[in-house]
Structures are given as C-alpha cells and as structure tokens.
Amino acid sequence: MKIGEVAAHTGVSVDALRFYEEKGLIKPHRAANGYRFYSEQTLQIVGYIKLAQHLGFSLREIGENLPLLWNSEGTSRAHIALLFEEKIALLDARISEMHKLRSLLAERAAQVCPLAGIGD
C-alpha cells in the first residue's frame, strides 16, 4: 500500500511516516518510480509505535526494541513485561522527585518571603 493509505489507516501523518522511515522504524519497498510501498505489517508496527509513545517510550527506545518484537521467533512477552517494569520504575522515581519539589514549593509559599535565603 502507498504512504497515503498507511496514513489513512493509522491516523499518522505522511510526514510522521517519512520521519519513522528516516529513523529506521519502518521500511518501505521502493518502486522503480520512487514511490514507497508498505506491507500490511507496517500497520501493526505503526500501531505499536503510537501505543509505545503514548506509554512514554521514546522513538529511540522503540527503535531499539522493534527488532525483538517482530523477529521470526515472535514477540517475547517476558521482554515486553521487563520493558514496562523498567518504565514504571522510572516513572516512580520521577513521581517521587515531583513530590519533593512540590513540598519544597509549598514550604516556600508559606514563608513571608518565599525567596529568602536564595543566593546567600
């Protein structure tokens, strides 16, 4: 299928698909006239990219794991679970840091002069 068809089926812009191609996430076949033609599997890959981005994975992380997910041996559920557990740990650490920052801001807001002591 052509790039416009992939865009229509996935809800991803043509520009985004070209960007994914540039990053090596999807690989079209090129016709003699230069047109890109994509396999049906591309729809699954683009769907995975959208979901993974929504779950907080960067395109770099997605690209690193695509070969593991679409290899001849199939998807490794244990590997995906490990990736998710690692992402959860990172989110928990960020949440903890945000709670600390919030507490510090609340303490400063309660002071007569919130900026007192800074730069002394």
N, C-alpha and C. Protein backbone atom coordinates (compact mmCIF):
# COMPACT_ATOMS: atom_id res chain seq x y z
N MET A 1 0.84 -1.18 0.00
CA MET A 1 0.00 0.00 0.00
C MET A 1 0.88 1.24 0.00
N LYS A 2 0.34 2.34 -0.51
CA LYS A 2 1.08 3.59 -0.59
C LYS A 2 1.07 4.31 0.75
N ILE A 3 1.95 5.30 0.87
CA ILE A 3 2.12 6.01 2.13
C ILE A 3 0.83 6.71 2.58
N GLY A 4 0.07 7.23 1.64
CA GLY A 4 -1.20 7.87 1.97
C GLY A 4 -2.20 6.89 2.57
N GLU A 5 -2.18 5.67 2.06
CA GLU A 5 -3.07 4.64 2.59
C GLU A 5 -2.67 4.26 4.02
N VAL A 6 -1.37 4.15 4.25
CA VAL A 6 -0.90 3.85 5.61
C VAL A 6 -1.31 4.97 6.55
N ALA A 7 -1.16 6.21 6.09
CA ALA A 7 -1.55 7.36 6.91
C ALA A 7 -3.04 7.31 7.24
N ALA A 8 -3.86 7.00 6.24
CA ALA A 8 -5.31 6.95 6.45
C ALA A 8 -5.70 5.82 7.41
N HIS A 9 -5.06 4.67 7.28
CA HIS A 9 -5.40 3.51 8.14
C HIS A 9 -4.93 3.70 9.58
N THR A 10 -3.82 4.41 9.76
CA THR A 10 -3.22 4.51 11.10
C THR A 10 -3.50 5.82 11.82
N GLY A 11 -3.92 6.83 11.08
CA GLY A 11 -4.13 8.15 11.69
C GLY A 11 -2.83 8.90 11.93
N VAL A 12 -1.77 8.45 11.29
CA VAL A 12 -0.46 9.09 11.41
C VAL A 12 -0.21 9.87 10.13
N SER A 13 0.33 11.06 10.25
CA SER A 13 0.54 11.89 9.06
C SER A 13 1.62 11.29 8.16
N VAL A 14 1.56 11.68 6.90
CA VAL A 14 2.57 11.25 5.93
C VAL A 14 3.95 11.71 6.38
N ASP A 15 4.02 12.94 6.89
CA ASP A 15 5.30 13.45 7.38
C ASP A 15 5.85 12.59 8.51
N ALA A 16 4.98 12.17 9.43
CA ALA A 16 5.42 11.31 10.54
C ALA A 16 5.91 9.97 10.01
N LEU A 17 5.22 9.42 9.02
CA LEU A 17 5.64 8.15 8.44
C LEU A 17 7.01 8.29 7.78
N ARG A 18 7.23 9.39 7.10
CA ARG A 18 8.55 9.63 6.50
C ARG A 18 9.62 9.76 7.58
N PHE A 19 9.26 10.40 8.68
CA PHE A 19 10.18 10.54 9.81
C PHE A 19 10.50 9.16 10.39
N TYR A 20 9.48 8.32 10.56
CA TYR A 20 9.70 6.95 11.06
C TYR A 20 10.62 6.18 10.11
N GLU A 21 10.43 6.40 8.83
CA GLU A 21 11.30 5.75 7.84
C GLU A 21 12.74 6.24 8.00
N GLU A 22 12.91 7.56 8.15
CA GLU A 22 14.23 8.15 8.32
C GLU A 22 14.93 7.58 9.56
N LYS A 23 14.16 7.31 10.60
CA LYS A 23 14.72 6.77 11.85
C LYS A 23 14.89 5.25 11.80
N GLY A 24 14.47 4.63 10.71
CA GLY A 24 14.62 3.19 10.55
C GLY A 24 13.55 2.37 11.24
N LEU A 25 12.46 3.01 11.63
CA LEU A 25 11.38 2.29 12.33
C LEU A 25 10.49 1.51 11.37
N ILE A 26 10.29 2.06 10.18
CA ILE A 26 9.52 1.35 9.15
C ILE A 26 10.36 1.34 7.88
N LYS A 27 10.17 0.32 7.08
CA LYS A 27 10.97 0.17 5.87
C LYS A 27 10.07 -0.16 4.67
N PRO A 28 9.83 0.83 3.84
CA PRO A 28 9.02 0.56 2.65
C PRO A 28 9.87 -0.07 1.55
N HIS A 29 9.18 -0.62 0.60
CA HIS A 29 9.83 -1.07 -0.63
C HIS A 29 9.66 0.07 -1.62
N ARG A 30 10.69 0.31 -2.42
CA ARG A 30 10.62 1.39 -3.40
C ARG A 30 10.35 0.82 -4.78
N ALA A 31 9.36 1.39 -5.44
CA ALA A 31 9.07 1.01 -6.81
C ALA A 31 10.06 1.73 -7.74
N ALA A 32 10.10 1.34 -8.99
CA ALA A 32 11.01 1.96 -9.96
C ALA A 32 10.75 3.46 -10.08
N ASN A 33 9.51 3.87 -9.88
CA ASN A 33 9.17 5.29 -9.99
C ASN A 33 9.47 6.06 -8.69
N GLY A 34 10.00 5.38 -7.68
CA GLY A 34 10.37 6.03 -6.43
C GLY A 34 9.28 6.02 -5.38
N TYR A 35 8.10 5.57 -5.73
CA TYR A 35 7.00 5.52 -4.75
C TYR A 35 7.32 4.51 -3.65
N ARG A 36 6.86 4.85 -2.46
CA ARG A 36 7.01 3.94 -1.33
C ARG A 36 5.82 2.99 -1.29
N PHE A 37 6.09 1.73 -1.07
CA PHE A 37 5.03 0.74 -0.88
C PHE A 37 5.31 0.00 0.42
N TYR A 38 4.28 -0.08 1.24
CA TYR A 38 4.40 -0.67 2.58
C TYR A 38 3.63 -1.97 2.67
N SER A 39 4.16 -2.89 3.47
CA SER A 39 3.48 -4.17 3.69
C SER A 39 2.37 -3.98 4.73
N GLU A 40 1.52 -4.97 4.85
CA GLU A 40 0.45 -4.94 5.86
C GLU A 40 1.04 -4.87 7.27
N GLN A 41 2.22 -5.46 7.47
CA GLN A 41 2.86 -5.46 8.79
C GLN A 41 3.17 -4.03 9.25
N THR A 42 3.35 -3.12 8.30
CA THR A 42 3.63 -1.72 8.65
C THR A 42 2.51 -1.14 9.50
N LEU A 43 1.27 -1.53 9.22
CA LEU A 43 0.14 -1.04 10.02
C LEU A 43 0.30 -1.46 11.48
N GLN A 44 0.73 -2.69 11.70
CA GLN A 44 0.95 -3.18 13.07
C GLN A 44 2.11 -2.43 13.74
N ILE A 45 3.17 -2.22 12.98
CA ILE A 45 4.34 -1.53 13.53
C ILE A 45 3.99 -0.11 13.90
N VAL A 46 3.28 0.60 13.02
CA VAL A 46 2.89 1.98 13.31
C VAL A 46 1.94 2.01 14.52
N GLY A 47 1.04 1.04 14.60
CA GLY A 47 0.17 0.95 15.78
C GLY A 47 0.98 0.76 17.05
N TYR A 48 2.00 -0.09 16.98
CA TYR A 48 2.88 -0.30 18.14
C TYR A 48 3.62 0.99 18.49
N ILE A 49 4.13 1.69 17.48
CA ILE A 49 4.85 2.95 17.73
C ILE A 49 3.95 3.95 18.45
N LYS A 50 2.71 4.09 17.96
CA LYS A 50 1.76 5.03 18.59
C LYS A 50 1.49 4.64 20.05
N LEU A 51 1.23 3.36 20.28
CA LEU A 51 0.96 2.90 21.64
C LEU A 51 2.17 3.10 22.55
N ALA A 52 3.34 2.72 22.06
CA ALA A 52 4.55 2.84 22.87
C ALA A 52 4.84 4.31 23.20
N GLN A 53 4.64 5.20 22.25
CA GLN A 53 4.83 6.63 22.53
C GLN A 53 3.83 7.10 23.59
N HIS A 54 2.60 6.66 23.46
CA HIS A 54 1.57 7.02 24.43
C HIS A 54 1.94 6.52 25.84
N LEU A 55 2.62 5.39 25.91
CA LEU A 55 3.03 4.82 27.19
C LEU A 55 4.33 5.43 27.72
N GLY A 56 4.90 6.38 26.97
CA GLY A 56 6.07 7.11 27.46
C GLY A 56 7.40 6.65 26.91
N PHE A 57 7.40 5.79 25.92
CA PHE A 57 8.65 5.34 25.33
C PHE A 57 9.09 6.30 24.24
N SER A 58 10.38 6.58 24.20
CA SER A 58 10.92 7.46 23.17
C SER A 58 11.06 6.68 21.86
N LEU A 59 11.21 7.41 20.76
CA LEU A 59 11.41 6.75 19.47
C LEU A 59 12.70 5.94 19.48
N ARG A 60 13.70 6.41 20.20
CA ARG A 60 14.95 5.66 20.31
C ARG A 60 14.70 4.32 20.99
N GLU A 61 13.97 4.34 22.10
CA GLU A 61 13.64 3.10 22.80
C GLU A 61 12.81 2.17 21.92
N ILE A 62 11.86 2.75 21.23
CA ILE A 62 11.00 1.96 20.34
C ILE A 62 11.85 1.31 19.25
N GLY A 63 12.74 2.08 18.66
CA GLY A 63 13.60 1.54 17.60
C GLY A 63 14.51 0.43 18.09
N GLU A 64 14.99 0.55 19.32
CA GLU A 64 15.86 -0.49 19.88
C GLU A 64 15.11 -1.81 20.08
N ASN A 65 13.82 -1.72 20.35
CA ASN A 65 13.06 -2.92 20.67
C ASN A 65 12.25 -3.50 19.52
N LEU A 66 12.08 -2.75 18.45
CA LEU A 66 11.31 -3.27 17.31
C LEU A 66 11.87 -4.60 16.77
N PRO A 67 13.18 -4.71 16.59
CA PRO A 67 13.68 -5.99 16.07
C PRO A 67 13.35 -7.18 16.97
N LEU A 68 13.28 -6.93 18.27
CA LEU A 68 12.97 -8.01 19.20
C LEU A 68 11.50 -8.40 19.13
N LEU A 69 10.65 -7.44 18.79
CA LEU A 69 9.21 -7.70 18.77
C LEU A 69 8.73 -8.31 17.46
N TRP A 70 9.42 -8.01 16.37
CA TRP A 70 9.00 -8.52 15.06
C TRP A 70 10.10 -9.35 14.44
N ASN A 71 10.55 -10.35 15.18
CA ASN A 71 11.53 -11.26 14.61
C ASN A 71 10.84 -12.57 14.25
N SER A 72 11.58 -13.46 13.69
CA SER A 72 10.98 -14.72 13.23
C SER A 72 10.51 -15.60 14.38
N GLU A 73 10.99 -15.35 15.57
CA GLU A 73 10.60 -16.15 16.73
C GLU A 73 9.36 -15.60 17.43
N GLY A 74 8.87 -14.45 17.01
CA GLY A 74 7.67 -13.88 17.62
C GLY A 74 7.99 -12.96 18.77
N THR A 75 6.94 -12.42 19.34
CA THR A 75 7.06 -11.46 20.43
C THR A 75 7.36 -12.18 21.74
N SER A 76 8.30 -11.63 22.48
CA SER A 76 8.64 -12.17 23.79
C SER A 76 7.86 -11.41 24.85
N ARG A 77 6.86 -12.06 25.43
CA ARG A 77 6.04 -11.41 26.47
C ARG A 77 6.90 -11.02 27.68
N ALA A 78 7.86 -11.87 28.02
CA ALA A 78 8.73 -11.57 29.17
C ALA A 78 9.54 -10.32 28.91
N HIS A 79 10.00 -10.16 27.67
CA HIS A 79 10.80 -8.97 27.34
C HIS A 79 9.95 -7.70 27.41
N ILE A 80 8.75 -7.77 26.89
CA ILE A 80 7.85 -6.61 26.95
C ILE A 80 7.51 -6.27 28.40
N ALA A 81 7.24 -7.28 29.21
CA ALA A 81 6.94 -7.04 30.62
C ALA A 81 8.12 -6.38 31.31
N LEU A 82 9.34 -6.80 31.00
CA LEU A 82 10.53 -6.19 31.59
C LEU A 82 10.65 -4.73 31.18
N LEU A 83 10.40 -4.43 29.91
CA LEU A 83 10.44 -3.04 29.45
C LEU A 83 9.44 -2.18 30.21
N PHE A 84 8.23 -2.72 30.40
CA PHE A 84 7.20 -1.99 31.12
C PHE A 84 7.60 -1.79 32.58
N GLU A 85 8.17 -2.81 33.20
CA GLU A 85 8.60 -2.68 34.60
C GLU A 85 9.69 -1.62 34.74
N GLU A 86 10.61 -1.58 33.79
CA GLU A 86 11.66 -0.55 33.82
C GLU A 86 11.05 0.84 33.67
N LYS A 87 10.07 0.98 32.79
CA LYS A 87 9.42 2.29 32.59
C LYS A 87 8.65 2.69 33.85
N ILE A 88 8.01 1.72 34.51
CA ILE A 88 7.29 2.00 35.76
C ILE A 88 8.26 2.49 36.83
N ALA A 89 9.43 1.87 36.92
CA ALA A 89 10.44 2.29 37.90
C ALA A 89 10.89 3.73 37.64
N LEU A 90 11.09 4.06 36.36
CA LEU A 90 11.46 5.44 36.01
C LEU A 90 10.36 6.43 36.37
N LEU A 91 9.13 6.06 36.10
CA LEU A 91 8.00 6.93 36.44
C LEU A 91 7.88 7.11 37.95
N ASP A 92 8.06 6.02 38.70
CA ASP A 92 8.01 6.12 40.16
C ASP A 92 9.08 7.06 40.69
N ALA A 93 10.28 7.00 40.12
CA ALA A 93 11.36 7.90 40.53
C ALA A 93 11.01 9.35 40.21
N ARG A 94 10.44 9.59 39.04
CA ARG A 94 10.03 10.95 38.66
C ARG A 94 8.93 11.46 39.58
N ILE A 95 7.98 10.61 39.89
CA ILE A 95 6.88 11.00 40.78
C ILE A 95 7.43 11.37 42.15
N SER A 96 8.36 10.60 42.65
CA SER A 96 8.99 10.89 43.94
C SER A 96 9.68 12.25 43.92
N GLU A 97 10.42 12.52 42.85
CA GLU A 97 11.10 13.81 42.72
C GLU A 97 10.09 14.96 42.63
N MET A 98 9.01 14.75 41.94
CA MET A 98 7.98 15.78 41.83
C MET A 98 7.32 16.05 43.18
N HIS A 99 7.10 15.00 43.98
CA HIS A 99 6.54 15.19 45.32
C HIS A 99 7.49 16.01 46.19
N LYS A 100 8.78 15.73 46.10
CA LYS A 100 9.77 16.50 46.85
C LYS A 100 9.77 17.96 46.43
N LEU A 101 9.72 18.20 45.11
CA LEU A 101 9.68 19.56 44.60
C LEU A 101 8.42 20.28 45.05
N ARG A 102 7.30 19.58 45.03
CA ARG A 102 6.04 20.18 45.46
C ARG A 102 6.11 20.58 46.93
N SER A 103 6.67 19.71 47.76
CA SER A 103 6.80 20.01 49.19
C SER A 103 7.68 21.24 49.40
N LEU A 104 8.78 21.30 48.68
CA LEU A 104 9.67 22.45 48.79
C LEU A 104 8.97 23.73 48.37
N LEU A 105 8.23 23.69 47.29
CA LEU A 105 7.49 24.87 46.83
C LEU A 105 6.41 25.28 47.84
N ALA A 106 5.73 24.30 48.42
CA ALA A 106 4.70 24.60 49.42
C ALA A 106 5.33 25.25 50.65
N GLU A 107 6.49 24.77 51.07
CA GLU A 107 7.18 25.38 52.21
C GLU A 107 7.55 26.82 51.90
N ARG A 108 8.09 27.06 50.71
CA ARG A 108 8.49 28.42 50.31
C ARG A 108 7.27 29.33 50.20
N ALA A 109 6.18 28.84 49.67
CA ALA A 109 4.97 29.65 49.52
C ALA A 109 4.42 30.08 50.87
N ALA A 110 4.62 29.27 51.88
CA ALA A 110 4.11 29.57 53.22
C ALA A 110 4.97 30.59 53.96
N GLN A 111 6.17 30.82 53.49
CA GLN A 111 7.07 31.79 54.14
C GLN A 111 6.66 33.22 53.80
N VAL A 112 7.04 34.15 54.68
CA VAL A 112 6.74 35.56 54.45
C VAL A 112 7.40 36.03 53.16
N CYS A 113 8.64 35.65 52.95
CA CYS A 113 9.35 35.98 51.73
C CYS A 113 9.85 34.69 51.11
N PRO A 114 9.12 34.14 50.13
CA PRO A 114 9.46 32.84 49.55
C PRO A 114 10.87 32.74 48.97
N LEU A 115 11.49 33.85 48.61
CA LEU A 115 12.82 33.82 48.03
C LEU A 115 13.92 34.04 49.05
N ALA A 116 13.58 34.18 50.32
CA ALA A 116 14.58 34.43 51.37
C ALA A 116 15.57 33.26 51.42
N GLY A 117 16.84 33.58 51.55
CA GLY A 117 17.87 32.57 51.68
C GLY A 117 18.43 32.06 50.36
N ILE A 118 17.86 32.47 49.27
CA ILE A 118 18.38 32.03 47.98
C ILE A 118 19.53 32.94 47.58
N GLY A 119 20.65 32.36 47.27
CA GLY A 119 21.81 33.13 46.82
C GLY A 119 22.64 33.68 47.95
N ASP A 120 22.27 33.39 49.21
CA ASP A 120 23.07 33.89 50.36
C ASP A 120 24.31 33.04 50.57
